[in-house]
Each structure stands twice: as C-alpha cells, then as structure tokens.
Amino acid sequence: MPIVNINIAPELLHVDKEEAYKEMVKGITRTISESAKVPAEAVHVMINETSAKRYSVAGKFLIEK
C-alpha cells in the first residue's frame, strides 16, 4: 500500500485550502494508482500542516518573506 506524506504551510496557499487539499489528494491518488498499478483504495495520503512560522528556506522563515 503506497503511503504519501505531504507537508504544507497553509498560510502560503492563495486559494481555498479545503478545495486545494481535495484536488491534491485526488491527483496524487490517481497518479500513484496508475504508476504503481494499484487500486485507488490502496493509496493513502496524509497532509501535515506546518506553520510558515516554523518552516525556513536559506535560514529565513517563510513568514518573514
């Protein structure tokens, strides 16, 4: 069973978060299902929300950019 973990800083999404998450899991499930040749029911997707206050790139928190 494929398990996919997604880490997202939701403050950085500029669209409706819930709709974006629904679209992401549908697309990821379809892609994994097709490429791994497994039924969609075997694909598990977990979304982990990480605050932009706690996520940094090049030594700067994303909230600071």
PDB file of N, CA and C in Angstrom:
ATOM      1  N   MET A   1       0.851  -1.172   0.000  1.00  0.00           N
ATOM      2  CA  MET A   1       0.000   0.000   0.000  1.00  0.00           C
ATOM      3  C   MET A   1       0.899   1.237   0.000  1.00  0.00           C
ATOM      4  N   PRO A   2       0.817   2.066  -1.029  1.00  0.00           N
ATOM      5  CA  PRO A   2       1.590   3.312  -1.059  1.00  0.00           C
ATOM      6  C   PRO A   2       1.041   4.317  -0.034  1.00  0.00           C
ATOM      7  N   ILE A   3       1.962   4.935   0.685  1.00  0.00           N
ATOM      8  CA  ILE A   3       1.603   5.991   1.640  1.00  0.00           C
ATOM      9  C   ILE A   3       2.357   7.246   1.227  1.00  0.00           C
ATOM     10  N   VAL A   4       1.618   8.330   1.032  1.00  0.00           N
ATOM     11  CA  VAL A   4       2.207   9.596   0.596  1.00  0.00           C
ATOM     12  C   VAL A   4       2.025  10.613   1.714  1.00  0.00           C
ATOM     13  N   ASN A   5       3.107  11.273   2.099  1.00  0.00           N
ATOM     14  CA  ASN A   5       3.058  12.336   3.096  1.00  0.00           C
ATOM     15  C   ASN A   5       3.307  13.667   2.404  1.00  0.00           C
ATOM     16  N   ILE A   6       2.448  14.647   2.684  1.00  0.00           N
ATOM     17  CA  ILE A   6       2.594  15.987   2.129  1.00  0.00           C
ATOM     18  C   ILE A   6       2.721  16.956   3.296  1.00  0.00           C
ATOM     19  N   ASN A   7       3.733  17.796   3.260  1.00  0.00           N
ATOM     20  CA  ASN A   7       3.887  18.849   4.265  1.00  0.00           C
ATOM     21  C   ASN A   7       3.571  20.173   3.596  1.00  0.00           C
ATOM     22  N   ILE A   8       2.653  20.921   4.188  1.00  0.00           N
ATOM     23  CA  ILE A   8       2.192  22.177   3.597  1.00  0.00           C
ATOM     24  C   ILE A   8       2.183  23.282   4.655  1.00  0.00           C
ATOM     25  N   ALA A   9       2.627  24.455   4.260  1.00  0.00           N
ATOM     26  CA  ALA A   9       2.448  25.653   5.080  1.00  0.00           C
ATOM     27  C   ALA A   9       1.186  26.328   4.550  1.00  0.00           C
ATOM     28  N   PRO A  10       0.030  26.080   5.166  1.00  0.00           N
ATOM     29  CA  PRO A  10      -1.238  26.548   4.600  1.00  0.00           C
ATOM     30  C   PRO A  10      -1.340  28.062   4.438  1.00  0.00           C
ATOM     31  N   GLU A  11      -0.579  28.809   5.210  1.00  0.00           N
ATOM     32  CA  GLU A  11      -0.622  30.273   5.073  1.00  0.00           C
ATOM     33  C   GLU A  11      -0.135  30.728   3.698  1.00  0.00           C
ATOM     34  N   LEU A  12       0.594  29.865   3.023  1.00  0.00           N
ATOM     35  CA  LEU A  12       1.155  30.229   1.731  1.00  0.00           C
ATOM     36  C   LEU A  12       0.224  29.889   0.569  1.00  0.00           C
ATOM     37  N   LEU A  13      -0.856  29.175   0.849  1.00  0.00           N
ATOM     38  CA  LEU A  13      -1.838  28.886  -0.198  1.00  0.00           C
ATOM     39  C   LEU A  13      -2.680  30.133  -0.442  1.00  0.00           C
ATOM     40  N   HIS A  14      -2.867  30.466  -1.685  1.00  0.00           N
ATOM     41  CA  HIS A  14      -3.651  31.659  -2.018  1.00  0.00           C
ATOM     42  C   HIS A  14      -4.986  31.270  -2.649  1.00  0.00           C
ATOM     43  N   VAL A  15      -5.447  30.091  -2.258  1.00  0.00           N
ATOM     44  CA  VAL A  15      -6.744  29.579  -2.706  1.00  0.00           C
ATOM     45  C   VAL A  15      -7.448  28.974  -1.493  1.00  0.00           C
ATOM     46  N   ASP A  16      -8.684  28.526  -1.688  1.00  0.00           N
ATOM     47  CA  ASP A  16      -9.405  27.866  -0.608  1.00  0.00           C
ATOM     48  C   ASP A  16      -8.663  26.591  -0.217  1.00  0.00           C
ATOM     49  N   LYS A  17      -8.219  26.534   1.019  1.00  0.00           N
ATOM     50  CA  LYS A  17      -7.390  25.433   1.494  1.00  0.00           C
ATOM     51  C   LYS A  17      -8.077  24.076   1.334  1.00  0.00           C
ATOM     52  N   GLU A  18      -9.311  23.970   1.755  1.00  0.00           N
ATOM     53  CA  GLU A  18     -10.002  22.679   1.704  1.00  0.00           C
ATOM     54  C   GLU A  18     -10.181  22.190   0.273  1.00  0.00           C
ATOM     55  N   GLU A  19     -10.538  23.094  -0.631  1.00  0.00           N
ATOM     56  CA  GLU A  19     -10.671  22.711  -2.036  1.00  0.00           C
ATOM     57  C   GLU A  19      -9.317  22.308  -2.622  1.00  0.00           C
ATOM     58  N   ALA A  20      -8.272  23.042  -2.269  1.00  0.00           N
ATOM     59  CA  ALA A  20      -6.928  22.721  -2.761  1.00  0.00           C
ATOM     60  C   ALA A  20      -6.508  21.337  -2.285  1.00  0.00           C
ATOM     61  N   TYR A  21      -6.767  21.028  -1.015  1.00  0.00           N
ATOM     62  CA  TYR A  21      -6.406  19.724  -0.468  1.00  0.00           C
ATOM     63  C   TYR A  21      -7.164  18.613  -1.183  1.00  0.00           C
ATOM     64  N   LYS A  22      -8.440  18.817  -1.444  1.00  0.00           N
ATOM     65  CA  LYS A  22      -9.239  17.807  -2.148  1.00  0.00           C
ATOM     66  C   LYS A  22      -8.663  17.528  -3.531  1.00  0.00           C
ATOM     67  N   GLU A  23      -8.319  18.595  -4.250  1.00  0.00           N
ATOM     68  CA  GLU A  23      -7.759  18.432  -5.590  1.00  0.00           C
ATOM     69  C   GLU A  23      -6.397  17.740  -5.538  1.00  0.00           C
ATOM     70  N   MET A  24      -5.577  18.107  -4.548  1.00  0.00           N
ATOM     71  CA  MET A  24      -4.257  17.489  -4.414  1.00  0.00           C
ATOM     72  C   MET A  24      -4.370  15.995  -4.179  1.00  0.00           C
ATOM     73  N   VAL A  25      -5.212  15.581  -3.229  1.00  0.00           N
ATOM     74  CA  VAL A  25      -5.286  14.158  -2.918  1.00  0.00           C
ATOM     75  C   VAL A  25      -5.896  13.361  -4.074  1.00  0.00           C
ATOM     76  N   LYS A  26      -6.822  13.956  -4.807  1.00  0.00           N
ATOM     77  CA  LYS A  26      -7.374  13.267  -5.977  1.00  0.00           C
ATOM     78  C   LYS A  26      -6.283  13.035  -7.018  1.00  0.00           C
ATOM     79  N   GLY A  27      -5.522  14.083  -7.324  1.00  0.00           N
ATOM     80  CA  GLY A  27      -4.470  13.970  -8.334  1.00  0.00           C
ATOM     81  C   GLY A  27      -3.354  13.040  -7.909  1.00  0.00           C
ATOM     82  N   ILE A  28      -2.948  13.127  -6.663  1.00  0.00           N
ATOM     83  CA  ILE A  28      -1.881  12.262  -6.156  1.00  0.00           C
ATOM     84  C   ILE A  28      -2.337  10.810  -6.159  1.00  0.00           C
ATOM     85  N   THR A  29      -3.566  10.579  -5.699  1.00  0.00           N
ATOM     86  CA  THR A  29      -4.100   9.218  -5.676  1.00  0.00           C
ATOM     87  C   THR A  29      -4.147   8.633  -7.082  1.00  0.00           C
ATOM     88  N   ARG A  30      -4.640   9.409  -8.036  1.00  0.00           N
ATOM     89  CA  ARG A  30      -4.731   8.941  -9.417  1.00  0.00           C
ATOM     90  C   ARG A  30      -3.334   8.601  -9.964  1.00  0.00           C
ATOM     91  N   THR A  31      -2.381   9.493  -9.758  1.00  0.00           N
ATOM     92  CA  THR A  31      -1.030   9.294 -10.287  1.00  0.00           C
ATOM     93  C   THR A  31      -0.356   8.075  -9.667  1.00  0.00           C
ATOM     94  N   ILE A  32      -0.420   7.942  -8.354  1.00  0.00           N
ATOM     95  CA  ILE A  32       0.200   6.797  -7.675  1.00  0.00           C
ATOM     96  C   ILE A  32      -0.491   5.502  -8.078  1.00  0.00           C
ATOM     97  N   SER A  33      -1.812   5.533  -8.129  1.00  0.00           N
ATOM     98  CA  SER A  33      -2.582   4.347  -8.504  1.00  0.00           C
ATOM     99  C   SER A  33      -2.188   3.865  -9.894  1.00  0.00           C
ATOM    100  N   GLU A  34      -2.112   4.790 -10.842  1.00  0.00           N
ATOM    101  CA  GLU A  34      -1.761   4.426 -12.214  1.00  0.00           C
ATOM    102  C   GLU A  34      -0.316   3.953 -12.331  1.00  0.00           C
ATOM    103  N   SER A  35       0.604   4.658 -11.700  1.00  0.00           N
ATOM    104  CA  SER A  35       2.022   4.317 -11.861  1.00  0.00           C
ATOM    105  C   SER A  35       2.414   3.068 -11.079  1.00  0.00           C
ATOM    106  N   ALA A  36       1.787   2.827  -9.932  1.00  0.00           N
ATOM    107  CA  ALA A  36       2.113   1.650  -9.123  1.00  0.00           C
ATOM    108  C   ALA A  36       1.219   0.456  -9.454  1.00  0.00           C
ATOM    109  N   LYS A  37       0.231   0.694 -10.333  1.00  0.00           N
ATOM    110  CA  LYS A  37      -0.696  -0.372 -10.734  1.00  0.00           C
ATOM    111  C   LYS A  37      -1.413  -0.974  -9.521  1.00  0.00           C
ATOM    112  N   VAL A  38      -1.929  -0.075  -8.673  1.00  0.00           N
ATOM    113  CA  VAL A  38      -2.704  -0.499  -7.504  1.00  0.00           C
ATOM    114  C   VAL A  38      -4.048   0.223  -7.532  1.00  0.00           C
ATOM    115  N   PRO A  39      -5.061  -0.345  -6.875  1.00  0.00           N
ATOM    116  CA  PRO A  39      -6.349   0.355  -6.834  1.00  0.00           C
ATOM    117  C   PRO A  39      -6.250   1.627  -6.000  1.00  0.00           C
ATOM    118  N   ALA A  40      -7.076   2.594  -6.321  1.00  0.00           N
ATOM    119  CA  ALA A  40      -7.070   3.870  -5.583  1.00  0.00           C
ATOM    120  C   ALA A  40      -7.267   3.648  -4.093  1.00  0.00           C
ATOM    121  N   GLU A  41      -8.027   2.620  -3.728  1.00  0.00           N
ATOM    122  CA  GLU A  41      -8.288   2.331  -2.312  1.00  0.00           C
ATOM    123  C   GLU A  41      -7.023   1.938  -1.547  1.00  0.00           C
ATOM    124  N   ALA A  42      -5.978   1.568  -2.265  1.00  0.00           N
ATOM    125  CA  ALA A  42      -4.729   1.192  -1.617  1.00  0.00           C
ATOM    126  C   ALA A  42      -3.808   2.386  -1.372  1.00  0.00           C
ATOM    127  N   VAL A  43      -4.147   3.537  -1.925  1.00  0.00           N
ATOM    128  CA  VAL A  43      -3.296   4.727  -1.801  1.00  0.00           C
ATOM    129  C   VAL A  43      -3.751   5.558  -0.604  1.00  0.00           C
ATOM    130  N   HIS A  44      -2.831   5.784   0.308  1.00  0.00           N
ATOM    131  CA  HIS A  44      -3.111   6.590   1.488  1.00  0.00           C
ATOM    132  C   HIS A  44      -2.334   7.894   1.380  1.00  0.00           C
ATOM    133  N   VAL A  45      -3.010   9.013   1.631  1.00  0.00           N
ATOM    134  CA  VAL A  45      -2.369  10.330   1.557  1.00  0.00           C
ATOM    135  C   VAL A  45      -2.586  11.039   2.888  1.00  0.00           C
ATOM    136  N   MET A  46      -1.506  11.533   3.465  1.00  0.00           N
ATOM    137  CA  MET A  46      -1.583  12.289   4.713  1.00  0.00           C
ATOM    138  C   MET A  46      -1.058  13.697   4.477  1.00  0.00           C
ATOM    139  N   ILE A  47      -1.846  14.684   4.872  1.00  0.00           N
ATOM    140  CA  ILE A  47      -1.433  16.082   4.751  1.00  0.00           C
ATOM    141  C   ILE A  47      -1.061  16.577   6.144  1.00  0.00           C
ATOM    142  N   ASN A  48       0.163  17.049   6.275  1.00  0.00           N
ATOM    143  CA  ASN A  48       0.644  17.607   7.535  1.00  0.00           C
ATOM    144  C   ASN A  48       0.791  19.112   7.362  1.00  0.00           C
ATOM    145  N   GLU A  49       0.096  19.857   8.180  1.00  0.00           N
ATOM    146  CA  GLU A  49       0.205  21.316   8.102  1.00  0.00           C
ATOM    147  C   GLU A  49       1.353  21.793   8.985  1.00  0.00           C
ATOM    148  N   THR A  50       2.214  22.579   8.376  1.00  0.00           N
ATOM    149  CA  THR A  50       3.356  23.161   9.066  1.00  0.00           C
ATOM    150  C   THR A  50       3.249  24.668   8.962  1.00  0.00           C
ATOM    151  N   SER A  51       3.319  25.339  10.066  1.00  0.00           N
ATOM    152  CA  SER A  51       3.217  26.792  10.049  1.00  0.00           C
ATOM    153  C   SER A  51       4.396  27.407   9.314  1.00  0.00           C
ATOM    154  N   ALA A  52       4.126  28.438   8.548  1.00  0.00           N
ATOM    155  CA  ALA A  52       5.205  29.176   7.884  1.00  0.00           C
ATOM    156  C   ALA A  52       6.122  29.819   8.917  1.00  0.00           C
ATOM    157  N   LYS A  53       5.642  29.911  10.155  1.00  0.00           N
ATOM    158  CA  LYS A  53       6.474  30.429  11.249  1.00  0.00           C
ATOM    159  C   LYS A  53       7.523  29.400  11.684  1.00  0.00           C
ATOM    160  N   ARG A  54       7.330  28.155  11.290  1.00  0.00           N
ATOM    161  CA  ARG A  54       8.226  27.076  11.699  1.00  0.00           C
ATOM    162  C   ARG A  54       8.913  26.394  10.524  1.00  0.00           C
ATOM    163  N   TYR A  55       8.832  27.006   9.343  1.00  0.00           N
ATOM    164  CA  TYR A  55       9.409  26.423   8.133  1.00  0.00           C
ATOM    165  C   TYR A  55      10.336  27.457   7.515  1.00  0.00           C
ATOM    166  N   SER A  56      11.575  27.042   7.269  1.00  0.00           N
ATOM    167  CA  SER A  56      12.530  28.019   6.745  1.00  0.00           C
ATOM    168  C   SER A  56      13.211  27.511   5.484  1.00  0.00           C
ATOM    169  N   VAL A  57      13.651  28.459   4.673  1.00  0.00           N
ATOM    170  CA  VAL A  57      14.440  28.201   3.478  1.00  0.00           C
ATOM    171  C   VAL A  57      15.602  29.182   3.513  1.00  0.00           C
ATOM    172  N   ALA A  58      16.791  28.676   3.331  1.00  0.00           N
ATOM    173  CA  ALA A  58      18.005  29.506   3.327  1.00  0.00           C
ATOM    174  C   ALA A  58      18.147  30.328   4.602  1.00  0.00           C
ATOM    175  N   GLY A  59      17.741  29.740   5.729  1.00  0.00           N
ATOM    176  CA  GLY A  59      17.922  30.396   7.014  1.00  0.00           C
ATOM    177  C   GLY A  59      16.883  31.446   7.375  1.00  0.00           C
ATOM    178  N   LYS A  60      15.839  31.609   6.552  1.00  0.00           N
ATOM    179  CA  LYS A  60      14.782  32.574   6.844  1.00  0.00           C
ATOM    180  C   LYS A  60      13.442  31.852   6.879  1.00  0.00           C
ATOM    181  N   PHE A  61      12.673  32.150   7.922  1.00  0.00           N
ATOM    182  CA  PHE A  61      11.333  31.589   7.999  1.00  0.00           C
ATOM    183  C   PHE A  61      10.476  32.145   6.880  1.00  0.00           C
ATOM    184  N   LEU A  62       9.630  31.289   6.330  1.00  0.00           N
ATOM    185  CA  LEU A  62       8.802  31.716   5.197  1.00  0.00           C
ATOM    186  C   LEU A  62       7.907  32.894   5.546  1.00  0.00           C
ATOM    187  N   ILE A  63       7.468  32.969   6.784  1.00  0.00           N
ATOM    188  CA  ILE A  63       6.598  34.062   7.215  1.00  0.00           C
ATOM    189  C   ILE A  63       7.320  35.418   7.106  1.00  0.00           C
ATOM    190  N   GLU A  64       8.661  35.396   7.111  1.00  0.00           N
ATOM    191  CA  GLU A  64       9.433  36.626   7.038  1.00  0.00           C
ATOM    192  C   GLU A  64       9.593  37.143   5.614  1.00  0.00           C
ATOM    193  N   LYS A  65       9.279  36.307   4.633  1.00  0.00           N
ATOM    194  CA  LYS A  65       9.494  36.716   3.242  1.00  0.00           C
ATOM    195  C   LYS A  65       8.346  37.504   2.700  1.00  0.00           C
TER     196      LYS A  65
END
